[in-house]
Amino acid sequence: MEETNAEIDQFLVRRYLAHLQKSGTAKSSIARKLAALRSFFAYIVRCGFLHSDPTAGVRSPKQPRKLPKIIGEDQVNTLMNLPDTNTATGLRDKAILETLYATGLRVSELLSLTVEDVEHGQDELRVIGKRGKERIVLLGKAALESLQQYLVTGRPALAAKAKKPTNALFLGRLGTIMVPSSVQRIVDKYMAAASDHLKISPHVLRHAFATHLLDHGADLRSVQELLGHESVVTTQIYTHVSREKLKEVYDRAHPRASLGDERMQR
């Protein structure tokens, strides 16, 4: 193994990554391959076959930051009006959609809510986010009304079908605790009815929550707190999306914003 030790070093790893880059491999794929090498060499070092990890100090390629997919306010309004509130599941679905958009909750946070969290009709919720961090989120009038209707009529009908009682807020059609994939199916169902081509995840309602707040003048720090981001840098991605909206408003509203276009048409 002494000869192998001499051949496998940081420079060899860097040459391998450079080869991948030159061959057109996506940065995300390169990062995954490097992560696999790190795990492999960590094991080899633990077993004593190598004295040191040749991937130590080798950085993953910087990933381009993708702008989040956003749906407009008109699409949100259409989405909220689709559930059939004459049924227990329809009341539940509307409450889920309204709550996701009103609070910016992650699906895991939404499904951790209990009846006690909202049964008193308060306009704020205390949730536990990533790494056990607690924060307060706010409920608007539409979400609060939907939740109350669900609690009064929808949830009792679903809970009556349960074999085992639970205090989870949102229940499946048989009264069981919901899982994230169930929420995904609900969003898919109504989004398919609202649009022939737009496919979104529940997380897109979180993106819409943040972007629409910024569009209407909310400050970045407040949105950061409501989303539960540890760093404002994470929240700043939404300012890029909102900046496009701001530019549209400016071009439409400023008396001299389109002056150059008029001159070019002459």
Protein backbone atom coordinates (compact mmCIF):
# COMPACT_ATOMS: atom_id res chain seq x y z
CA MET A 1 0.00 0.00 0.00
CA GLU A 2 2.98 2.35 0.34
CA GLU A 3 3.10 2.90 -3.43
CA THR A 4 -0.64 3.50 -3.50
CA ASN A 5 -0.34 6.00 -0.66
CA ALA A 6 2.17 7.97 -2.66
CA GLU A 7 -0.03 8.03 -5.75
CA ILE A 8 -3.28 9.05 -4.08
CA ASP A 9 -3.01 12.63 -2.94
CA GLN A 10 -4.88 15.92 -3.09
CA PHE A 11 -3.43 16.74 -6.51
CA LEU A 12 -4.83 13.53 -7.96
CA VAL A 13 -8.29 14.38 -6.60
CA ARG A 14 -8.07 17.89 -8.06
CA ARG A 15 -7.01 16.51 -11.46
CA TYR A 16 -9.98 14.16 -11.38
CA LEU A 17 -12.39 17.01 -10.61
CA ALA A 18 -10.80 19.15 -13.34
CA HIS A 19 -11.30 16.27 -15.80
CA LEU A 20 -14.97 16.07 -14.87
CA GLN A 21 -15.39 19.80 -15.35
CA LYS A 22 -13.69 19.77 -18.77
CA SER A 23 -15.86 16.86 -19.89
CA GLY A 24 -18.98 18.93 -19.19
CA THR A 25 -20.17 17.24 -16.01
CA ALA A 26 -22.67 19.40 -14.12
CA LYS A 27 -21.40 21.10 -10.97
CA SER A 28 -24.06 19.35 -8.90
CA SER A 29 -22.84 15.96 -10.18
CA ILE A 30 -19.22 16.87 -9.44
CA ALA A 31 -20.22 17.84 -5.91
CA ARG A 32 -21.96 14.49 -5.41
CA LYS A 33 -18.94 12.58 -6.71
CA LEU A 34 -16.65 14.52 -4.38
CA ALA A 35 -18.98 13.77 -1.45
CA ALA A 36 -18.80 10.07 -2.31
CA LEU A 37 -14.99 10.25 -2.42
CA ARG A 38 -14.92 11.97 0.98
CA SER A 39 -16.98 9.15 2.51
CA PHE A 40 -14.83 6.50 0.84
CA PHE A 41 -11.49 7.98 1.91
CA ALA A 42 -12.74 8.65 5.44
CA TYR A 43 -13.44 4.92 5.68
CA ILE A 44 -10.06 4.02 4.17
CA VAL A 45 -8.25 6.26 6.66
CA ARG A 46 -10.19 4.75 9.58
CA CYS A 47 -9.16 1.28 8.40
CA GLY A 48 -5.53 2.39 8.35
CA PHE A 49 -4.94 1.92 4.61
CA LEU A 50 -4.15 5.64 4.16
CA HIS A 51 -2.43 8.00 6.53
CA SER A 52 -4.45 11.06 5.51
CA ASP A 53 -7.58 11.95 3.56
CA PRO A 54 -6.63 13.23 0.07
CA THR A 55 -9.99 15.06 -0.22
CA ALA A 56 -9.25 17.23 2.82
CA GLY A 57 -9.03 20.85 1.75
CA VAL A 58 -10.61 20.18 -1.65
CA ARG A 59 -13.62 22.43 -2.05
CA SER A 60 -16.81 21.48 -3.82
CA PRO A 61 -17.59 23.55 -6.91
CA LYS A 62 -19.74 26.55 -6.14
CA GLN A 63 -23.32 25.85 -7.10
CA PRO A 64 -25.30 28.44 -9.04
CA ARG A 65 -28.14 29.67 -6.90
CA LYS A 66 -31.46 29.00 -8.58
CA LEU A 67 -34.29 31.46 -8.17
CA PRO A 68 -37.30 29.85 -6.48
CA LYS A 69 -40.36 29.05 -8.56
CA ILE A 70 -43.06 31.61 -7.79
CA ILE A 71 -46.77 31.71 -8.47
CA GLY A 72 -48.60 35.01 -8.79
CA GLU A 73 -51.25 36.41 -6.50
CA ASP A 74 -54.01 35.72 -9.04
CA GLN A 75 -52.95 32.07 -9.20
CA VAL A 76 -52.95 31.87 -5.40
CA ASN A 77 -56.50 33.25 -5.29
CA THR A 78 -57.62 30.70 -7.87
CA LEU A 79 -55.98 27.92 -5.89
CA MET A 80 -57.69 28.90 -2.64
CA ASN A 81 -61.17 28.85 -4.19
CA LEU A 82 -60.91 25.32 -5.62
CA PRO A 83 -61.51 23.04 -2.58
CA ASP A 84 -65.11 21.92 -2.08
CA THR A 85 -65.91 23.26 1.37
CA ASN A 86 -69.10 21.18 1.51
CA THR A 87 -66.95 18.14 2.33
CA ALA A 88 -64.69 17.37 5.27
CA THR A 89 -61.65 16.79 3.07
CA GLY A 90 -62.38 19.98 1.12
CA LEU A 91 -62.48 22.00 4.34
CA ARG A 92 -59.19 20.38 5.36
CA ASP A 93 -57.58 21.06 1.98
CA LYS A 94 -58.58 24.71 1.99
CA ALA A 95 -57.26 25.10 5.54
CA ILE A 96 -53.95 23.52 4.50
CA LEU A 97 -53.53 25.75 1.44
CA GLU A 98 -54.51 28.92 3.29
CA THR A 99 -52.23 28.12 6.23
CA LEU A 100 -49.20 27.33 4.05
CA TYR A 101 -49.60 30.60 2.15
CA ALA A 102 -50.46 32.72 5.20
CA THR A 103 -47.57 31.54 7.36
CA GLY A 104 -44.79 30.38 5.05
CA LEU A 105 -44.55 27.15 7.06
CA ARG A 106 -42.56 24.18 5.84
CA VAL A 107 -44.70 21.08 5.35
CA SER A 108 -43.01 19.36 8.30
CA GLU A 109 -43.89 22.35 10.49
CA LEU A 110 -47.47 22.36 9.22
CA LEU A 111 -47.94 18.69 10.04
CA SER A 112 -46.49 19.12 13.52
CA LEU A 113 -49.36 21.46 14.49
CA THR A 114 -51.90 20.19 17.00
CA VAL A 115 -55.52 21.12 17.67
CA GLU A 116 -54.41 22.98 20.78
CA ASP A 117 -52.16 25.21 18.68
CA VAL A 118 -55.10 26.81 16.89
CA GLU A 119 -58.34 25.94 18.64
CA HIS A 120 -58.55 29.22 20.52
CA GLY A 121 -58.68 31.26 17.33
CA GLN A 122 -55.47 33.15 17.96
CA ASP A 123 -53.92 34.95 15.01
CA GLU A 124 -50.43 33.62 15.70
CA LEU A 125 -48.84 30.20 16.01
CA ARG A 126 -45.75 29.06 17.87
CA VAL A 127 -43.87 26.52 15.77
CA ILE A 128 -40.66 24.52 16.12
CA GLY A 129 -38.54 24.76 12.98
CA LYS A 130 -35.22 23.34 11.86
CA ARG A 131 -32.76 22.36 14.57
CA GLY A 132 -35.45 22.92 17.22
CA LYS A 133 -35.59 26.66 16.68
CA GLU A 134 -38.85 28.17 17.91
CA ARG A 135 -40.57 31.06 16.14
CA ILE A 136 -43.89 32.85 15.90
CA VAL A 137 -45.84 32.87 12.62
CA LEU A 138 -48.95 34.92 11.91
CA LEU A 139 -52.34 33.90 10.57
CA GLY A 140 -54.30 36.24 8.35
CA LYS A 141 -58.09 36.48 8.34
CA ALA A 142 -58.59 34.05 5.43
CA ALA A 143 -56.40 31.35 7.00
CA LEU A 144 -57.95 31.82 10.42
CA GLU A 145 -61.48 31.50 9.05
CA SER A 146 -60.57 28.38 7.07
CA LEU A 147 -58.97 26.78 10.11
CA GLN A 148 -62.00 27.51 12.29
CA GLN A 149 -64.40 26.03 9.72
CA TYR A 150 -62.21 22.95 9.48
CA LEU A 151 -62.03 22.57 13.27
CA VAL A 152 -65.79 22.95 13.72
CA THR A 153 -66.97 20.73 10.87
CA GLY A 154 -64.21 19.07 8.84
CA ARG A 155 -61.88 17.65 11.46
CA PRO A 156 -64.57 16.09 13.69
CA ALA A 157 -65.92 14.20 10.65
CA LEU A 158 -62.44 12.89 9.81
CA ALA A 159 -61.57 12.13 13.45
CA ALA A 160 -64.72 10.02 13.78
CA LYS A 161 -63.22 7.53 11.31
CA ALA A 162 -60.00 7.10 13.27
CA LYS A 163 -59.24 3.85 15.08
CA LYS A 164 -56.86 5.68 17.38
CA PRO A 165 -57.41 9.28 18.55
CA THR A 166 -54.77 11.92 17.87
CA ASN A 167 -54.46 15.64 18.56
CA ALA A 168 -52.74 16.29 15.22
CA LEU A 169 -54.42 19.23 13.51
CA PHE A 170 -54.59 17.86 9.98
CA LEU A 171 -55.97 14.37 9.45
CA GLY A 172 -56.17 12.02 6.50
CA ARG A 173 -59.51 10.83 5.09
CA LEU A 174 -59.52 7.91 7.56
CA GLY A 175 -58.65 10.10 10.53
CA THR A 176 -54.97 9.18 10.53
CA ILE A 177 -52.01 11.55 10.90
CA MET A 178 -51.03 13.01 7.54
CA VAL A 179 -47.60 12.58 5.95
CA PRO A 180 -45.75 15.07 3.68
CA SER A 181 -46.55 13.11 0.52
CA SER A 182 -50.26 13.56 1.27
CA VAL A 183 -49.84 17.33 1.33
CA GLN A 184 -47.93 17.11 -1.95
CA ARG A 185 -50.83 15.22 -3.53
CA ILE A 186 -53.30 17.83 -2.30
CA VAL A 187 -51.29 20.68 -3.80
CA ASP A 188 -50.81 18.73 -7.05
CA LYS A 189 -54.55 18.07 -7.28
CA TYR A 190 -55.62 21.69 -7.03
CA MET A 191 -52.73 23.07 -9.05
CA ALA A 192 -53.63 20.73 -11.90
CA ALA A 193 -57.16 22.15 -11.81
CA ALA A 194 -55.85 25.74 -11.71
CA SER A 195 -53.29 25.39 -14.50
CA ASP A 196 -52.66 23.02 -17.39
CA HIS A 197 -48.88 23.42 -17.26
CA LEU A 198 -47.81 24.69 -13.83
CA LYS A 199 -46.64 22.02 -11.38
CA ILE A 200 -45.62 23.19 -7.92
CA SER A 201 -44.62 21.71 -4.60
CA PRO A 202 -46.04 22.81 -1.23
CA HIS A 203 -42.76 24.68 -0.73
CA VAL A 204 -43.71 27.03 -3.58
CA LEU A 205 -46.44 28.46 -1.36
CA ARG A 206 -43.67 29.29 1.13
CA HIS A 207 -41.79 31.03 -1.69
CA ALA A 208 -44.95 32.90 -2.68
CA PHE A 209 -45.51 33.95 0.94
CA ALA A 210 -42.06 35.55 1.14
CA THR A 211 -42.08 37.13 -2.31
CA HIS A 212 -45.55 38.63 -2.03
CA LEU A 213 -44.70 40.12 1.37
CA LEU A 214 -41.64 41.81 -0.11
CA ASP A 215 -43.65 42.94 -3.15
CA HIS A 216 -46.00 44.75 -0.80
CA GLY A 217 -43.30 46.51 1.20
CA ALA A 218 -42.33 44.12 4.01
CA ASP A 219 -38.74 44.51 5.19
CA LEU A 220 -36.24 41.71 4.71
CA ARG A 221 -35.52 41.15 8.41
CA SER A 222 -39.20 40.64 9.22
CA VAL A 223 -39.57 38.12 6.40
CA GLN A 224 -36.43 36.37 7.65
CA GLU A 225 -37.98 36.00 11.12
CA LEU A 226 -41.28 34.74 9.75
CA LEU A 227 -39.55 32.15 7.56
CA GLY A 228 -37.25 31.02 10.36
CA HIS A 229 -34.05 31.55 8.37
CA GLU A 230 -30.95 31.67 10.54
CA SER A 231 -29.23 34.08 8.14
CA VAL A 232 -30.69 36.96 6.19
CA VAL A 233 -28.49 35.83 3.28
CA THR A 234 -30.86 32.90 2.76
CA THR A 235 -33.84 35.27 2.63
CA GLN A 236 -32.14 37.61 0.18
CA ILE A 237 -32.84 35.29 -2.75
CA TYR A 238 -36.43 36.54 -2.65
CA THR A 239 -35.29 40.11 -3.21
CA HIS A 240 -34.07 39.10 -6.69
CA VAL A 241 -37.55 37.86 -7.55
CA SER A 242 -39.19 40.94 -6.06
CA ARG A 243 -36.78 43.20 -7.92
CA GLU A 244 -38.28 41.98 -11.18
CA LYS A 245 -41.72 42.97 -9.89
CA LEU A 246 -40.34 46.33 -8.82
CA LYS A 247 -38.90 46.91 -12.27
CA GLU A 248 -42.26 46.14 -13.87
CA VAL A 249 -43.97 48.65 -11.58
CA TYR A 250 -41.29 51.26 -12.30
CA ASP A 251 -41.48 50.81 -16.06
CA ARG A 252 -45.25 51.08 -15.97
CA ALA A 253 -45.53 53.97 -13.51
CA HIS A 254 -42.56 56.30 -14.05
CA PRO A 255 -43.34 58.99 -16.65
CA ARG A 256 -39.89 58.80 -18.23
CA ALA A 257 -39.08 55.13 -17.75
CA SER A 258 -40.08 54.19 -21.31
CA LEU A 259 -38.86 57.38 -23.00
CA GLY A 260 -35.99 55.59 -24.71
CA ASP A 261 -38.34 52.99 -26.20
CA GLU A 262 -40.54 55.73 -27.65
CA ARG A 263 -37.56 57.41 -29.32
CA MET A 264 -36.42 54.12 -30.86
CA GLN A 265 -39.84 53.64 -32.42
CA ARG A 266 -39.69 57.02 -34.21
